[in-house]
Amino acid sequence: MNRTTSPDKVWLASLVLACCCILPVGVADAAKDTPRFEIRSAYAELEDAVYFLHARINYPLSKQALEALQSGVEL
């Protein structure tokens, strides 16, 4: 049995492999530019049959957002 691969299949497989190698690099670069919030701590308390969630969250804000908050704009 002769196992030959057509040039079209080789080209397509090479293209898919290249995309799989390049895609994570682009995603990682985009993730660096995206501000993320960070949950510093969190805990829940049960009080009168109601759960209350207490959390310390770090919200990184852009320069424009910080200026708006400092000038009196409410969230």
Protein backbone atom coordinates (compact mmCIF):
# COMPACT_ATOMS: atom_id res chain seq x y z
CA MET A 1 0.00 0.00 0.00
CA ASN A 2 1.43 3.34 -1.07
CA ARG A 3 1.13 6.10 1.52
CA THR A 4 1.65 9.37 -0.26
CA THR A 5 0.34 12.65 1.00
CA SER A 6 -0.98 15.22 -1.40
CA PRO A 7 0.75 18.62 -1.40
CA ASP A 8 -2.58 20.26 -0.48
CA LYS A 9 -2.84 18.21 2.72
CA VAL A 10 0.78 18.95 3.66
CA TRP A 11 0.23 22.67 3.06
CA LEU A 12 -2.98 22.66 5.11
CA ALA A 13 -1.36 20.75 7.97
CA SER A 14 1.57 23.19 7.95
CA LEU A 15 -0.81 26.16 8.03
CA VAL A 16 -2.77 24.72 10.96
CA LEU A 17 0.46 23.99 12.86
CA ALA A 18 1.74 27.53 12.26
CA CYS A 19 -1.53 29.04 13.49
CA CYS A 20 -1.43 26.89 16.61
CA CYS A 21 2.09 28.13 17.36
CA ILE A 22 1.39 31.82 16.67
CA LEU A 23 -2.03 32.12 18.33
CA PRO A 24 -0.85 31.76 21.97
CA VAL A 25 1.73 34.52 21.45
CA GLY A 26 -0.97 36.95 20.30
CA VAL A 27 -3.27 36.01 23.16
CA ALA A 28 -0.48 36.50 25.72
CA ASP A 29 0.34 39.95 24.32
CA ALA A 30 -3.32 40.98 24.42
CA ALA A 31 -3.64 39.74 28.01
CA LYS A 32 -0.74 41.97 29.11
CA ASP A 33 -2.57 45.07 27.89
CA THR A 34 -5.88 44.17 29.50
CA PRO A 35 -6.31 45.45 33.05
CA ARG A 36 -7.53 42.74 35.37
CA PHE A 37 -9.05 42.85 38.79
CA GLU A 38 -7.48 40.81 41.57
CA ILE A 39 -9.32 39.28 44.50
CA ARG A 40 -7.04 39.84 47.49
CA SER A 41 -9.24 38.01 50.00
CA ALA A 42 -12.81 36.81 50.30
CA TYR A 43 -14.98 35.09 52.86
CA ALA A 44 -18.66 34.45 53.44
CA GLU A 45 -20.66 34.80 56.65
CA LEU A 46 -24.06 33.34 57.43
CA GLU A 47 -26.23 35.81 59.32
CA ASP A 48 -29.97 35.39 59.85
CA ALA A 49 -30.18 32.75 57.10
CA VAL A 50 -28.46 35.08 54.60
CA TYR A 51 -24.93 34.64 53.27
CA PHE A 52 -22.87 37.82 53.08
CA LEU A 53 -19.76 37.87 50.91
CA HIS A 54 -16.94 40.12 52.06
CA ALA A 55 -14.09 40.69 49.64
CA ARG A 56 -11.07 42.89 49.07
CA ILE A 57 -10.71 43.45 45.35
CA ASN A 58 -8.01 45.40 43.54
CA TYR A 59 -9.45 47.19 40.50
CA PRO A 60 -6.70 48.58 38.27
CA LEU A 61 -8.10 51.71 36.64
CA SER A 62 -6.85 53.60 33.63
CA LYS A 63 -5.46 57.10 34.02
CA GLN A 64 -8.66 58.54 32.53
CA ALA A 65 -10.85 56.62 34.98
CA LEU A 66 -8.78 57.77 37.96
CA GLU A 67 -8.99 61.39 36.79
CA ALA A 68 -12.76 61.08 36.41
CA LEU A 69 -13.14 59.69 39.93
CA GLN A 70 -10.91 62.42 41.37
CA SER A 71 -13.01 65.08 39.65
CA GLY A 72 -16.21 63.79 41.25
CA VAL A 73 -17.68 61.32 38.76
CA GLU A 74 -19.50 58.56 40.66
CA LEU A 75 -19.22 54.91 39.82
